[in-house]
Amino acid sequence: DLGTHTLFLADLTDAKVLTDVDTASYAYYH
């Protein structure tokens, strides 16, 4: 519990790449 937020720690159970397009950063979004 971080007050206004919650930090979740998790085990990865599944992962898949869908495309090679670069990830959108916050700066790219703006």
PDB file of all heavy atoms in Angstrom:
ATOM      1  N   ASP A   1       0.851  -1.191   0.000  1.00  0.00           N
ATOM      2  CA  ASP A   1       0.000   0.000   0.000  1.00  0.00           C
ATOM      3  C   ASP A   1       0.888   1.242   0.000  1.00  0.00           C
ATOM      4  O   ASP A   1       1.696   1.445   0.905  1.00  0.00           O
ATOM      5  CB  ASP A   1      -0.893  -0.011   1.240  1.00  0.00           C
ATOM      6  CG  ASP A   1      -1.979   1.069   1.189  1.00  0.00           C
ATOM      7  OD1 ASP A   1      -1.724   2.141   0.593  1.00  0.00           O
ATOM      8  OD2 ASP A   1      -3.066   0.839   1.732  1.00  0.00           O
ATOM      9  N   LEU A   2       0.736   2.081  -1.035  1.00  0.00           N
ATOM     10  CA  LEU A   2       1.540   3.298  -1.159  1.00  0.00           C
ATOM     11  C   LEU A   2       0.696   4.555  -0.947  1.00  0.00           C
ATOM     12  O   LEU A   2       1.053   5.627  -1.419  1.00  0.00           O
ATOM     13  CB  LEU A   2       2.202   3.349  -2.542  1.00  0.00           C
ATOM     14  CG  LEU A   2       3.106   2.176  -2.904  1.00  0.00           C
ATOM     15  CD1 LEU A   2       3.638   2.328  -4.311  1.00  0.00           C
ATOM     16  CD2 LEU A   2       4.259   2.061  -1.912  1.00  0.00           C
ATOM     17  N   GLY A   3      -0.421   4.418  -0.275  1.00  0.00           N
ATOM     18  CA  GLY A   3      -1.289   5.574  -0.045  1.00  0.00           C
ATOM     19  C   GLY A   3      -2.305   5.727  -1.158  1.00  0.00           C
ATOM     20  O   GLY A   3      -3.349   5.088  -1.147  1.00  0.00           O
ATOM     21  N   THR A   4      -2.003   6.541  -2.160  1.00  0.00           N
ATOM     22  CA  THR A   4      -2.929   6.747  -3.278  1.00  0.00           C
ATOM     23  C   THR A   4      -2.834   5.640  -4.310  1.00  0.00           C
ATOM     24  O   THR A   4      -3.693   5.517  -5.174  1.00  0.00           O
ATOM     25  CB  THR A   4      -2.656   8.092  -3.981  1.00  0.00           C
ATOM     26  OG1 THR A   4      -1.300   8.088  -4.462  1.00  0.00           O
ATOM     27  CG2 THR A   4      -2.857   9.256  -3.028  1.00  0.00           C
ATOM     28  N   HIS A   5      -1.764   4.833  -4.257  1.00  0.00           N
ATOM     29  CA  HIS A   5      -1.516   3.763  -5.222  1.00  0.00           C
ATOM     30  C   HIS A   5      -1.222   2.462  -4.495  1.00  0.00           C
ATOM     31  O   HIS A   5      -0.957   2.448  -3.299  1.00  0.00           O
ATOM     32  CB  HIS A   5      -0.329   4.104  -6.128  1.00  0.00           C
ATOM     33  CG  HIS A   5      -0.588   5.218  -7.083  1.00  0.00           C
ATOM     34  ND1 HIS A   5      -0.799   6.519  -6.670  1.00  0.00           N
ATOM     35  CD2 HIS A   5      -0.660   5.233  -8.438  1.00  0.00           C
ATOM     36  CE1 HIS A   5      -0.999   7.288  -7.724  1.00  0.00           C
ATOM     37  NE2 HIS A   5      -0.922   6.544  -8.806  1.00  0.00           N
ATOM     38  N   THR A   6      -1.257   1.375  -5.254  1.00  0.00           N
ATOM     39  CA  THR A   6      -0.824   0.075  -4.743  1.00  0.00           C
ATOM     40  C   THR A   6       0.244  -0.470  -5.668  1.00  0.00           C
ATOM     41  O   THR A   6       0.107  -0.407  -6.892  1.00  0.00           O
ATOM     42  CB  THR A   6      -1.998  -0.916  -4.661  1.00  0.00           C
ATOM     43  OG1 THR A   6      -2.987  -0.407  -3.757  1.00  0.00           O
ATOM     44  CG2 THR A   6      -1.532  -2.283  -4.157  1.00  0.00           C
ATOM     45  N   LEU A   7       1.312  -0.987  -5.069  1.00  0.00           N
ATOM     46  CA  LEU A   7       2.367  -1.659  -5.817  1.00  0.00           C
ATOM     47  C   LEU A   7       2.056  -3.147  -5.816  1.00  0.00           C
ATOM     48  O   LEU A   7       1.883  -3.748  -4.757  1.00  0.00           O
ATOM     49  CB  LEU A   7       3.728  -1.405  -5.166  1.00  0.00           C
ATOM     50  CG  LEU A   7       4.920  -2.179  -5.735  1.00  0.00           C
ATOM     51  CD1 LEU A   7       5.264  -1.687  -7.131  1.00  0.00           C
ATOM     52  CD2 LEU A   7       6.120  -2.063  -4.816  1.00  0.00           C
ATOM     53  N   PHE A   8       1.940  -3.726  -7.017  1.00  0.00           N
ATOM     54  CA  PHE A   8       1.681  -5.156  -7.159  1.00  0.00           C
ATOM     55  C   PHE A   8       2.956  -5.839  -7.644  1.00  0.00           C
ATOM     56  O   PHE A   8       3.520  -5.444  -8.678  1.00  0.00           O
ATOM     57  CB  PHE A   8       0.560  -5.409  -8.177  1.00  0.00           C
ATOM     58  CG  PHE A   8      -0.787  -4.885  -7.756  1.00  0.00           C
ATOM     59  CD1 PHE A   8      -1.218  -3.638  -8.178  1.00  0.00           C
ATOM     60  CD2 PHE A   8      -1.619  -5.638  -6.946  1.00  0.00           C
ATOM     61  CE1 PHE A   8      -2.459  -3.146  -7.804  1.00  0.00           C
ATOM     62  CE2 PHE A   8      -2.867  -5.160  -6.563  1.00  0.00           C
ATOM     63  CZ  PHE A   8      -3.287  -3.909  -6.994  1.00  0.00           C
ATOM     64  N   LEU A   9       3.407  -6.850  -6.912  1.00  0.00           N
ATOM     65  CA  LEU A   9       4.532  -7.682  -7.336  1.00  0.00           C
ATOM     66  C   LEU A   9       3.940  -8.984  -7.846  1.00  0.00           C
ATOM     67  O   LEU A   9       3.088  -9.581  -7.182  1.00  0.00           O
ATOM     68  CB  LEU A   9       5.486  -7.943  -6.170  1.00  0.00           C
ATOM     69  CG  LEU A   9       5.983  -6.686  -5.436  1.00  0.00           C
ATOM     70  CD1 LEU A   9       6.872  -7.074  -4.265  1.00  0.00           C
ATOM     71  CD2 LEU A   9       6.717  -5.761  -6.376  1.00  0.00           C
ATOM     72  N   ALA A  10       4.376  -9.426  -9.027  1.00  0.00           N
ATOM     73  CA  ALA A  10       3.684 -10.543  -9.677  1.00  0.00           C
ATOM     74  C   ALA A  10       4.639 -11.472 -10.411  1.00  0.00           C
ATOM     75  O   ALA A  10       5.698 -11.056 -10.898  1.00  0.00           O
ATOM     76  CB  ALA A  10       2.647  -9.994 -10.651  1.00  0.00           C
ATOM     77  N   ASP A  11       4.226 -12.737 -10.485  1.00  0.00           N
ATOM     78  CA  ASP A  11       4.919 -13.743 -11.294  1.00  0.00           C
ATOM     79  C   ASP A  11       4.342 -13.701 -12.698  1.00  0.00           C
ATOM     80  O   ASP A  11       3.113 -13.654 -12.873  1.00  0.00           O
ATOM     81  CB  ASP A  11       4.715 -15.147 -10.708  1.00  0.00           C
ATOM     82  CG  ASP A  11       5.478 -15.347  -9.415  1.00  0.00           C
ATOM     83  OD1 ASP A  11       6.685 -15.084  -9.401  1.00  0.00           O
ATOM     84  OD2 ASP A  11       4.850 -15.761  -8.417  1.00  0.00           O
ATOM     85  N   LEU A  12       5.216 -13.746 -13.695  1.00  0.00           N
ATOM     86  CA  LEU A  12       4.771 -13.767 -15.085  1.00  0.00           C
ATOM     87  C   LEU A  12       4.281 -15.166 -15.422  1.00  0.00           C
ATOM     88  O   LEU A  12       4.969 -16.153 -15.155  1.00  0.00           O
ATOM     89  CB  LEU A  12       5.932 -13.382 -15.997  1.00  0.00           C
ATOM     90  CG  LEU A  12       5.574 -12.907 -17.394  1.00  0.00           C
ATOM     91  CD1 LEU A  12       4.768 -11.628 -17.340  1.00  0.00           C
ATOM     92  CD2 LEU A  12       6.835 -12.686 -18.202  1.00  0.00           C
ATOM     93  N   THR A  13       3.084 -15.283 -15.980  1.00  0.00           N
ATOM     94  CA  THR A  13       2.534 -16.592 -16.311  1.00  0.00           C
ATOM     95  C   THR A  13       2.409 -16.821 -17.812  1.00  0.00           C
ATOM     96  O   THR A  13       2.284 -17.955 -18.258  1.00  0.00           O
ATOM     97  CB  THR A  13       1.135 -16.764 -15.662  1.00  0.00           C
ATOM     98  OG1 THR A  13       0.269 -15.720 -16.125  1.00  0.00           O
ATOM     99  CG2 THR A  13       1.235 -16.710 -14.141  1.00  0.00           C
ATOM    100  N   ASP A  14       2.415 -15.736 -18.592  1.00  0.00           N
ATOM    101  CA  ASP A  14       2.265 -15.855 -20.049  1.00  0.00           C
ATOM    102  C   ASP A  14       2.805 -14.578 -20.669  1.00  0.00           C
ATOM    103  O   ASP A  14       2.637 -13.494 -20.100  1.00  0.00           O
ATOM    104  CB  ASP A  14       0.785 -16.055 -20.406  1.00  0.00           C
ATOM    105  CG  ASP A  14       0.568 -16.373 -21.885  1.00  0.00           C
ATOM    106  OD1 ASP A  14       1.533 -16.778 -22.561  1.00  0.00           O
ATOM    107  OD2 ASP A  14      -0.571 -16.215 -22.356  1.00  0.00           O
ATOM    108  N   ALA A  15       3.444 -14.693 -21.825  1.00  0.00           N
ATOM    109  CA  ALA A  15       3.959 -13.515 -22.517  1.00  0.00           C
ATOM    110  C   ALA A  15       4.058 -13.831 -24.000  1.00  0.00           C
ATOM    111  O   ALA A  15       4.467 -14.924 -24.381  1.00  0.00           O
ATOM    112  CB  ALA A  15       5.322 -13.115 -21.964  1.00  0.00           C
ATOM    113  N   LYS A  16       3.680 -12.854 -24.812  1.00  0.00           N
ATOM    114  CA  LYS A  16       3.723 -13.071 -26.257  1.00  0.00           C
ATOM    115  C   LYS A  16       3.993 -11.759 -26.976  1.00  0.00           C
ATOM    116  O   LYS A  16       3.398 -10.732 -26.641  1.00  0.00           O
ATOM    117  CB  LYS A  16       2.407 -13.670 -26.747  1.00  0.00           C
ATOM    118  CG  LYS A  16       2.427 -14.064 -28.213  1.00  0.00           C
ATOM    119  CD  LYS A  16       1.162 -14.792 -28.611  1.00  0.00           C
ATOM    120  CE  LYS A  16       1.219 -15.221 -30.071  1.00  0.00           C
ATOM    121  NZ  LYS A  16       0.001 -15.900 -30.500  1.00  0.00           N
ATOM    122  N   VAL A  17       4.897 -11.810 -27.963  1.00  0.00           N
ATOM    123  CA  VAL A  17       5.157 -10.656 -28.811  1.00  0.00           C
ATOM    124  C   VAL A  17       4.151 -10.682 -29.953  1.00  0.00           C
ATOM    125  O   VAL A  17       3.953 -11.716 -30.592  1.00  0.00           O
ATOM    126  CB  VAL A  17       6.600 -10.684 -29.361  1.00  0.00           C
ATOM    127  CG1 VAL A  17       6.813  -9.557 -30.368  1.00  0.00           C
ATOM    128  CG2 VAL A  17       7.609 -10.588 -28.231  1.00  0.00           C
ATOM    129  N   LEU A  18       3.526  -9.522 -30.232  1.00  0.00           N
ATOM    130  CA  LEU A  18       2.513  -9.451 -31.276  1.00  0.00           C
ATOM    131  C   LEU A  18       3.020  -8.743 -32.532  1.00  0.00           C
ATOM    132  O   LEU A  18       2.656  -9.121 -33.637  1.00  0.00           O
ATOM    133  CB  LEU A  18       1.260  -8.749 -30.756  1.00  0.00           C
ATOM    134  CG  LEU A  18       0.607  -9.391 -29.520  1.00  0.00           C
ATOM    135  CD1 LEU A  18      -0.563  -8.550 -29.044  1.00  0.00           C
ATOM    136  CD2 LEU A  18       0.155 -10.803 -29.823  1.00  0.00           C
ATOM    137  N   THR A  19       3.835  -7.698 -32.377  1.00  0.00           N
ATOM    138  CA  THR A  19       4.388  -6.975 -33.522  1.00  0.00           C
ATOM    139  C   THR A  19       5.783  -6.468 -33.175  1.00  0.00           C
ATOM    140  O   THR A  19       6.202  -6.497 -32.009  1.00  0.00           O
ATOM    141  CB  THR A  19       3.530  -5.745 -33.922  1.00  0.00           C
ATOM    142  OG1 THR A  19       3.644  -4.746 -32.900  1.00  0.00           O
ATOM    143  CG2 THR A  19       2.082  -6.107 -34.134  1.00  0.00           C
ATOM    144  N   ASP A  20       6.488  -5.975 -34.195  1.00  0.00           N
ATOM    145  CA  ASP A  20       7.812  -5.403 -33.989  1.00  0.00           C
ATOM    146  C   ASP A  20       7.791  -3.883 -33.876  1.00  0.00           C
ATOM    147  O   ASP A  20       8.838  -3.241 -33.812  1.00  0.00           O
ATOM    148  CB  ASP A  20       8.745  -5.792 -35.152  1.00  0.00           C
ATOM    149  CG  ASP A  20       9.093  -7.274 -35.122  1.00  0.00           C
ATOM    150  OD1 ASP A  20       9.137  -7.843 -34.017  1.00  0.00           O
ATOM    151  OD2 ASP A  20       9.307  -7.859 -36.195  1.00  0.00           O
ATOM    152  N   VAL A  21       6.606  -3.282 -33.859  1.00  0.00           N
ATOM    153  CA  VAL A  21       6.503  -1.828 -33.756  1.00  0.00           C
ATOM    154  C   VAL A  21       7.003  -1.397 -32.374  1.00  0.00           C
ATOM    155  O   VAL A  21       6.729  -2.049 -31.367  1.00  0.00           O
ATOM    156  CB  VAL A  21       5.044  -1.366 -33.974  1.00  0.00           C
ATOM    157  CG1 VAL A  21       4.938   0.149 -33.893  1.00  0.00           C
ATOM    158  CG2 VAL A  21       4.524  -1.871 -35.307  1.00  0.00           C
ATOM    159  N   ASP A  22       7.747  -0.303 -32.330  1.00  0.00           N
ATOM    160  CA  ASP A  22       8.317   0.168 -31.063  1.00  0.00           C
ATOM    161  C   ASP A  22       7.232   0.502 -30.041  1.00  0.00           C
ATOM    162  O   ASP A  22       6.120   0.899 -30.389  1.00  0.00           O
ATOM    163  CB  ASP A  22       9.173   1.421 -31.293  1.00  0.00           C
ATOM    164  CG  ASP A  22      10.483   1.104 -32.001  1.00  0.00           C
ATOM    165  OD1 ASP A  22      10.906  -0.063 -31.969  1.00  0.00           O
ATOM    166  OD2 ASP A  22      11.063   2.031 -32.592  1.00  0.00           O
ATOM    167  N   THR A  23       7.604   0.367 -28.770  1.00  0.00           N
ATOM    168  CA  THR A  23       6.708   0.707 -27.676  1.00  0.00           C
ATOM    169  C   THR A  23       6.518   2.216 -27.610  1.00  0.00           C
ATOM    170  O   THR A  23       7.471   2.976 -27.787  1.00  0.00           O
ATOM    171  CB  THR A  23       7.296   0.196 -26.341  1.00  0.00           C
ATOM    172  OG1 THR A  23       7.406  -1.228 -26.407  1.00  0.00           O
ATOM    173  CG2 THR A  23       6.418   0.577 -25.158  1.00  0.00           C
ATOM    174  N   ALA A  24       5.303   2.643 -27.350  1.00  0.00           N
ATOM    175  CA  ALA A  24       5.007   4.074 -27.215  1.00  0.00           C
ATOM    176  C   ALA A  24       5.412   4.542 -25.828  1.00  0.00           C
ATOM    177  O   ALA A  24       4.883   4.068 -24.829  1.00  0.00           O
ATOM    178  CB  ALA A  24       3.523   4.338 -27.451  1.00  0.00           C
ATOM    179  N   SER A  25       6.362   5.460 -25.767  1.00  0.00           N
ATOM    180  CA  SER A  25       6.765   6.042 -24.484  1.00  0.00           C
ATOM    181  C   SER A  25       5.819   7.192 -24.144  1.00  0.00           C
ATOM    182  O   SER A  25       5.042   7.657 -24.979  1.00  0.00           O
ATOM    183  CB  SER A  25       8.201   6.557 -24.560  1.00  0.00           C
ATOM    184  OG  SER A  25       8.270   7.647 -25.461  1.00  0.00           O
ATOM    185  N   TYR A  26       5.935   7.674 -22.922  1.00  0.00           N
ATOM    186  CA  TYR A  26       5.115   8.809 -22.500  1.00  0.00           C
ATOM    187  C   TYR A  26       5.472  10.041 -23.326  1.00  0.00           C
ATOM    188  O   TYR A  26       4.607  10.812 -23.727  1.00  0.00           O
ATOM    189  CB  TYR A  26       5.333   9.060 -21.007  1.00  0.00           C
ATOM    190  CG  TYR A  26       4.236   9.852 -20.343  1.00  0.00           C
ATOM    191  CD1 TYR A  26       2.918   9.410 -20.366  1.00  0.00           C
ATOM    192  CD2 TYR A  26       4.519  11.039 -19.682  1.00  0.00           C
ATOM    193  CE1 TYR A  26       1.906  10.126 -19.757  1.00  0.00           C
ATOM    194  CE2 TYR A  26       3.503  11.765 -19.066  1.00  0.00           C
ATOM    195  CZ  TYR A  26       2.209  11.306 -19.108  1.00  0.00           C
ATOM    196  OH  TYR A  26       1.205  12.027 -18.506  1.00  0.00           O
ATOM    197  N   ALA A  27       6.777  10.208 -23.609  1.00  0.00           N
ATOM    198  CA  ALA A  27       7.220  11.341 -24.431  1.00  0.00           C
ATOM    199  C   ALA A  27       6.671  11.223 -25.849  1.00  0.00           C
ATOM    200  O   ALA A  27       6.244  12.219 -26.446  1.00  0.00           O
ATOM    201  CB  ALA A  27       8.746  11.406 -24.451  1.00  0.00           C
ATOM    202  N   TYR A  28       6.678  10.002 -26.407  1.00  0.00           N
ATOM    203  CA  TYR A  28       6.146   9.799 -27.760  1.00  0.00           C
ATOM    204  C   TYR A  28       4.653  10.111 -27.786  1.00  0.00           C
ATOM    205  O   TYR A  28       4.158  10.717 -28.736  1.00  0.00           O
ATOM    206  CB  TYR A  28       6.399   8.361 -28.213  1.00  0.00           C
ATOM    207  CG  TYR A  28       5.985   8.110 -29.650  1.00  0.00           C
ATOM    208  CD1 TYR A  28       6.880   8.296 -30.694  1.00  0.00           C
ATOM    209  CD2 TYR A  28       4.689   7.709 -29.967  1.00  0.00           C
ATOM    210  CE1 TYR A  28       6.508   8.096 -32.012  1.00  0.00           C
ATOM    211  CE2 TYR A  28       4.296   7.506 -31.277  1.00  0.00           C
ATOM    212  CZ  TYR A  28       5.215   7.693 -32.294  1.00  0.00           C
ATOM    213  OH  TYR A  28       4.826   7.501 -33.601  1.00  0.00           O
ATOM    214  N   TYR A  29       3.944   9.711 -26.739  1.00  0.00           N
ATOM    215  CA  TYR A  29       2.511   9.997 -26.649  1.00  0.00           C
ATOM    216  C   TYR A  29       2.260  11.500 -26.737  1.00  0.00           C
ATOM    217  O   TYR A  29       1.400  11.955 -27.488  1.00  0.00           O
ATOM    218  CB  TYR A  29       1.953   9.436 -25.340  1.00  0.00           C
ATOM    219  CG  TYR A  29       0.601   9.985 -24.959  1.00  0.00           C
ATOM    220  CD1 TYR A  29      -0.557   9.554 -25.595  1.00  0.00           C
ATOM    221  CD2 TYR A  29       0.483  10.964 -23.964  1.00  0.00           C
ATOM    222  CE1 TYR A  29      -1.802  10.074 -25.253  1.00  0.00           C
ATOM    223  CE2 TYR A  29      -0.756  11.475 -23.618  1.00  0.00           C
ATOM    224  CZ  TYR A  29      -1.892  11.035 -24.260  1.00  0.00           C
ATOM    225  OH  TYR A  29      -3.107  11.558 -23.934  1.00  0.00           O
ATOM    226  N   HIS A  30       3.016  12.275 -25.967  1.00  0.00           N
ATOM    227  CA  HIS A  30       2.801  13.722 -25.960  1.00  0.00           C
ATOM    228  C   HIS A  30       3.206  14.375 -27.275  1.00  0.00           C
ATOM    229  O   HIS A  30       2.572  15.334 -27.717  1.00  0.00           O
ATOM    230  CB  HIS A  30       3.558  14.364 -24.797  1.00  0.00           C
ATOM    231  CG  HIS A  30       2.791  14.303 -23.512  1.00  0.00           C
ATOM    232  ND1 HIS A  30       1.695  15.081 -23.241  1.00  0.00           N
ATOM    233  CD2 HIS A  30       2.948  13.507 -22.427  1.00  0.00           C
ATOM    234  CE1 HIS A  30       1.215  14.800 -22.049  1.00  0.00           C
ATOM    235  NE2 HIS A  30       1.953  13.847 -21.534  1.00  0.00           N
TER     236      HIS A  30
END
